[in-house]
Protein backbone atom coordinates (compact mmCIF):
# COMPACT_ATOMS: atom_id res chain seq x y z
CA MET A 1 -18.93 7.45 31.34
CA GLU A 2 -17.18 10.09 29.26
CA PRO A 3 -15.81 8.86 25.89
CA ALA A 4 -12.03 8.51 25.88
CA GLN A 5 -9.92 10.67 23.60
CA PRO A 6 -7.75 8.78 21.08
CA GLU A 7 -4.27 8.04 22.39
CA GLU A 8 -1.18 7.40 20.28
CA PHE A 9 1.84 5.30 21.23
CA ARG A 10 5.33 5.10 19.70
CA ALA A 11 8.19 2.77 20.52
CA THR A 12 10.55 4.19 23.14
CA TRP A 13 14.31 4.46 22.58
CA ALA A 14 14.80 1.56 25.01
CA GLN A 15 12.31 -0.51 22.98
CA THR A 16 14.07 0.27 19.68
CA TRP A 17 17.44 -0.68 21.21
CA HIS A 18 16.01 -4.09 22.11
CA THR A 19 14.13 -4.70 18.84
CA HIS A 20 16.26 -3.05 16.13
CA VAL A 21 19.83 -2.40 17.32
CA LYS A 22 20.83 -5.18 19.73
CA PRO A 23 19.90 -8.01 17.28
CA PHE A 24 22.39 -6.66 14.74
CA LEU A 25 25.39 -6.16 17.05
CA VAL A 26 27.32 -9.13 15.58
CA ALA A 27 26.63 -7.97 12.00
CA ASN A 28 27.67 -4.43 12.92
CA ILE A 29 30.93 -5.73 14.44
CA VAL A 30 31.68 -7.67 11.23
CA VAL A 31 30.97 -4.52 9.18
CA ALA A 32 33.18 -2.47 11.51
CA LEU A 33 36.09 -4.91 11.14
CA LEU A 34 35.77 -5.10 7.36
CA SER A 35 35.45 -1.33 7.01
CA PHE A 36 38.46 -0.89 9.34
CA MET A 37 40.59 -2.98 6.98
CA ILE A 38 39.23 -1.26 3.85
CA GLY A 39 39.60 2.18 5.45
CA TYR A 40 43.21 1.44 6.41
CA ALA A 41 44.03 0.18 2.90
CA VAL A 42 42.49 3.28 1.29
CA GLY A 43 43.21 6.06 3.76
CA GLY A 44 45.68 4.82 6.35
CA TYR A 45 44.96 5.41 10.04
CA PRO A 46 42.39 8.21 9.50
CA GLY A 47 40.47 6.01 7.04
CA ALA A 48 40.64 3.07 9.45
CA ILE A 49 38.87 5.20 12.07
CA ILE A 50 36.50 7.30 9.98
CA LEU A 51 35.03 4.59 7.69
CA PRO A 52 33.89 2.20 10.49
CA VAL A 53 32.44 5.06 12.54
CA VAL A 54 30.51 6.43 9.57
CA LEU A 55 29.22 3.02 8.35
CA VAL A 56 28.29 1.47 11.69
CA GLY A 57 26.99 4.77 13.10
CA GLY A 58 24.87 5.34 9.99
CA MET A 59 23.48 1.78 10.05
CA THR A 60 22.61 2.03 13.74
CA LEU A 61 20.92 5.39 13.27
CA LEU A 62 18.88 4.08 10.32
CA GLN A 63 17.82 1.02 12.33
CA ARG A 64 16.57 3.19 15.20
CA VAL A 65 14.83 5.74 12.97
CA ALA A 66 13.08 2.96 11.03
CA SER A 67 11.87 1.33 14.22
CA ARG A 68 10.35 4.60 15.48
CA GLY A 69 8.33 5.02 12.28
CA HIS A 70 5.58 2.66 13.48
CA GLY A 71 2.86 3.81 15.83
CA LEU A 72 -0.33 2.69 17.51
CA ARG A 73 -3.50 4.74 17.92
CA LEU A 74 -6.26 3.57 20.24
CA SER A 75 -9.71 5.14 20.31
CA PRO A 76 -13.21 4.20 21.44
CA THR A 77 -13.70 2.83 17.89
CA GLY A 78 -10.74 0.45 17.80
CA VAL A 79 -7.05 -0.20 17.26
CA GLU A 80 -5.03 1.42 14.44
CA PHE A 81 -1.47 0.29 13.66
CA LEU A 82 0.28 3.19 11.92
CA ARG A 83 2.94 1.88 9.53
CA ARG A 84 5.97 3.92 8.59
CA ASP A 85 5.01 3.69 4.90
CA GLY A 86 1.87 5.78 5.59
CA ARG A 87 -0.57 2.87 5.53
CA ILE A 88 -2.85 2.02 8.45
CA ALA A 89 -4.08 -1.40 9.57
CA ARG A 90 -7.12 -1.08 11.80
CA VAL A 91 -9.54 -3.31 13.66
CA ARG A 92 -12.70 -2.28 15.50
CA TRP A 93 -12.93 -3.46 19.12
CA PRO A 94 -15.74 -5.98 18.46
CA ASP A 95 -13.78 -7.48 15.53
CA ILE A 96 -10.67 -8.36 17.56
CA GLU A 97 -10.60 -12.14 17.84
CA ALA A 98 -7.70 -12.82 20.22
CA VAL A 99 -4.52 -11.65 21.87
CA VAL A 100 -1.82 -14.04 20.65
CA VAL A 101 1.95 -14.35 20.45
CA ILE A 102 2.96 -13.33 16.93
CA ASN A 103 6.17 -14.92 15.66
CA ARG A 104 8.09 -12.63 13.27
CA ARG A 105 10.28 -15.37 11.70
CA THR A 106 9.02 -15.12 8.14
CA SER A 107 11.84 -14.11 5.80
CA ALA A 108 15.04 -15.61 4.48
CA VAL A 109 18.47 -14.00 4.61
CA ILE A 110 20.11 -12.88 1.39
CA ALA A 111 23.84 -12.42 1.94
CA PRO A 112 27.13 -13.83 0.67
CA TYR A 113 28.40 -17.05 2.18
CA GLY A 114 30.89 -17.25 5.03
CA VAL A 115 31.19 -14.90 8.00
CA GLY A 116 28.96 -12.23 6.44
CA ARG A 117 26.10 -14.68 5.85
CA ALA A 118 26.42 -16.18 9.33
CA ALA A 119 26.31 -12.72 10.92
CA ALA A 120 23.33 -11.70 8.77
CA GLU A 121 21.43 -14.90 9.63
CA GLN A 122 22.14 -14.46 13.33
CA GLY A 123 21.01 -10.82 13.17
CA ALA A 124 17.80 -11.72 11.31
CA ALA A 125 16.97 -14.47 13.80
CA ALA A 126 17.65 -12.18 16.79
CA PHE A 127 15.56 -9.42 15.14
CA ALA A 128 12.66 -11.85 14.64
CA ASP A 129 12.90 -13.05 18.23
CA ALA A 130 13.06 -9.49 19.60
CA ASN A 131 10.00 -8.48 17.58
CA SER A 132 7.96 -11.61 18.40
CA GLY A 133 5.50 -11.15 21.19
CA PRO A 134 1.93 -10.33 22.11
CA GLY A 135 -0.27 -8.96 19.37
CA ILE A 136 -3.83 -9.21 18.16
CA THR A 137 -5.71 -11.00 15.42
CA GLY A 138 -9.01 -9.94 13.96
CA VAL A 139 -10.92 -8.77 10.92
CA GLY A 140 -10.16 -5.23 9.85
CA GLU A 141 -8.99 -2.97 7.06
CA LEU A 142 -5.64 -2.13 5.53
CA LEU A 143 -5.78 1.46 4.28
CA GLY A 144 -3.46 2.79 1.61
CA PRO A 145 -2.30 6.44 1.54
CA ALA A 146 -5.34 7.64 -0.47
CA ALA A 147 -7.80 5.99 1.94
CA VAL A 148 -5.85 7.37 4.91
CA ALA A 149 -6.18 10.89 3.44
CA ARG A 150 -9.95 10.40 2.91
CA GLN A 151 -10.35 9.17 6.49
CA HIS A 152 -8.32 12.08 7.84
CA ALA A 153 -10.46 14.59 5.91
CA HIS A 154 -13.66 12.93 7.19
CA GLY A 155 -12.77 13.08 10.90
CA PRO A 156 -12.48 10.62 13.77
CA SER A 157 -15.48 8.37 12.99
CA TRP A 158 -14.28 5.48 10.82
CA LEU A 159 -15.52 5.19 7.26
CA PRO A 160 -15.54 1.76 5.58
CA LEU A 161 -12.72 2.39 3.09
CA ALA A 162 -11.33 -1.07 2.29
CA GLU A 163 -12.41 -4.68 2.02
CA PRO A 164 -12.42 -6.46 5.38
CA GLN A 165 -9.57 -8.92 5.77
CA ALA A 166 -7.87 -11.01 8.43
CA LEU A 167 -5.13 -8.99 10.17
CA ARG A 168 -2.36 -9.80 12.62
CA LEU A 169 -1.01 -6.73 14.40
CA SER A 170 2.26 -7.12 16.29
CA LEU A 171 1.85 -4.69 19.16
CA ALA A 172 5.12 -5.97 20.67
CA MET A 173 6.91 -3.73 18.14
CA ILE A 174 5.52 -0.72 20.03
CA ASP A 175 5.78 -2.07 23.58
CA ARG A 176 6.81 -5.62 24.51
CA SER A 177 4.95 -5.43 27.83
CA TRP A 178 1.83 -3.69 26.49
CA PRO A 179 -0.71 -6.01 28.18
CA ALA A 180 0.48 -4.76 31.60
CA GLY A 181 0.69 -1.08 30.64
CA ARG A 182 -1.37 1.79 29.30
CA ILE A 183 -2.19 -0.05 26.03
CA GLY A 184 -3.49 -2.97 28.08
CA ASP A 185 -5.72 -0.53 30.00
CA TRP A 186 -7.52 0.28 26.74
CA PHE A 187 -8.09 -3.42 26.10
CA ARG A 188 -9.38 -3.95 29.65
CA ARG A 189 -11.81 -1.07 29.11
CA TYR A 190 -13.17 -2.01 25.67
CA ARG A 191 -12.45 -5.77 25.46
CA PRO A 192 -12.01 -7.07 29.03
CA ASP A 193 -12.52 -10.63 27.75
CA LEU A 194 -9.14 -10.54 25.94
CA LEU A 195 -6.84 -9.73 28.87
CA PRO A 196 -6.83 -10.77 32.54
């Protein structure tokens, strides 16, 4: 059997709509209404149109760009989750313990009280629900930018560059239905015990 070439995956635009834009629709509507009123008070009708379009359009664009910053690289060695901050979390195939549902509800909402807080809480809960889904647990490494550069200079074979630690990688952020797709094919090839 010929060794497989590494394959990289990124979230699709449809995936980012579901995980990063749709959860914040209510918050974006509240921002649009508030900016409409502020824009009208400051600049009349042109301000009432321009300010909401700029604010909500800019927020939506930032949400989608941020969601596309994550990636996943699969190779005969293991699974690497590429974070948008330049760090890499990686687990070798034999060190993957299980495929589990990872719940993303971990943070509190910081916002003023009233309608703004309610919209922010609803958006955060919807975001957590949209990004919860199948992922993996195992023992691996979390590489900082310097270790990533050393690994890149060394080549494709993994060097031990960090202390082993327990990792939870949320692959649902890349593809919610990954067990049934191309990512799942990699798991069925290298760890058939983890997926049906």
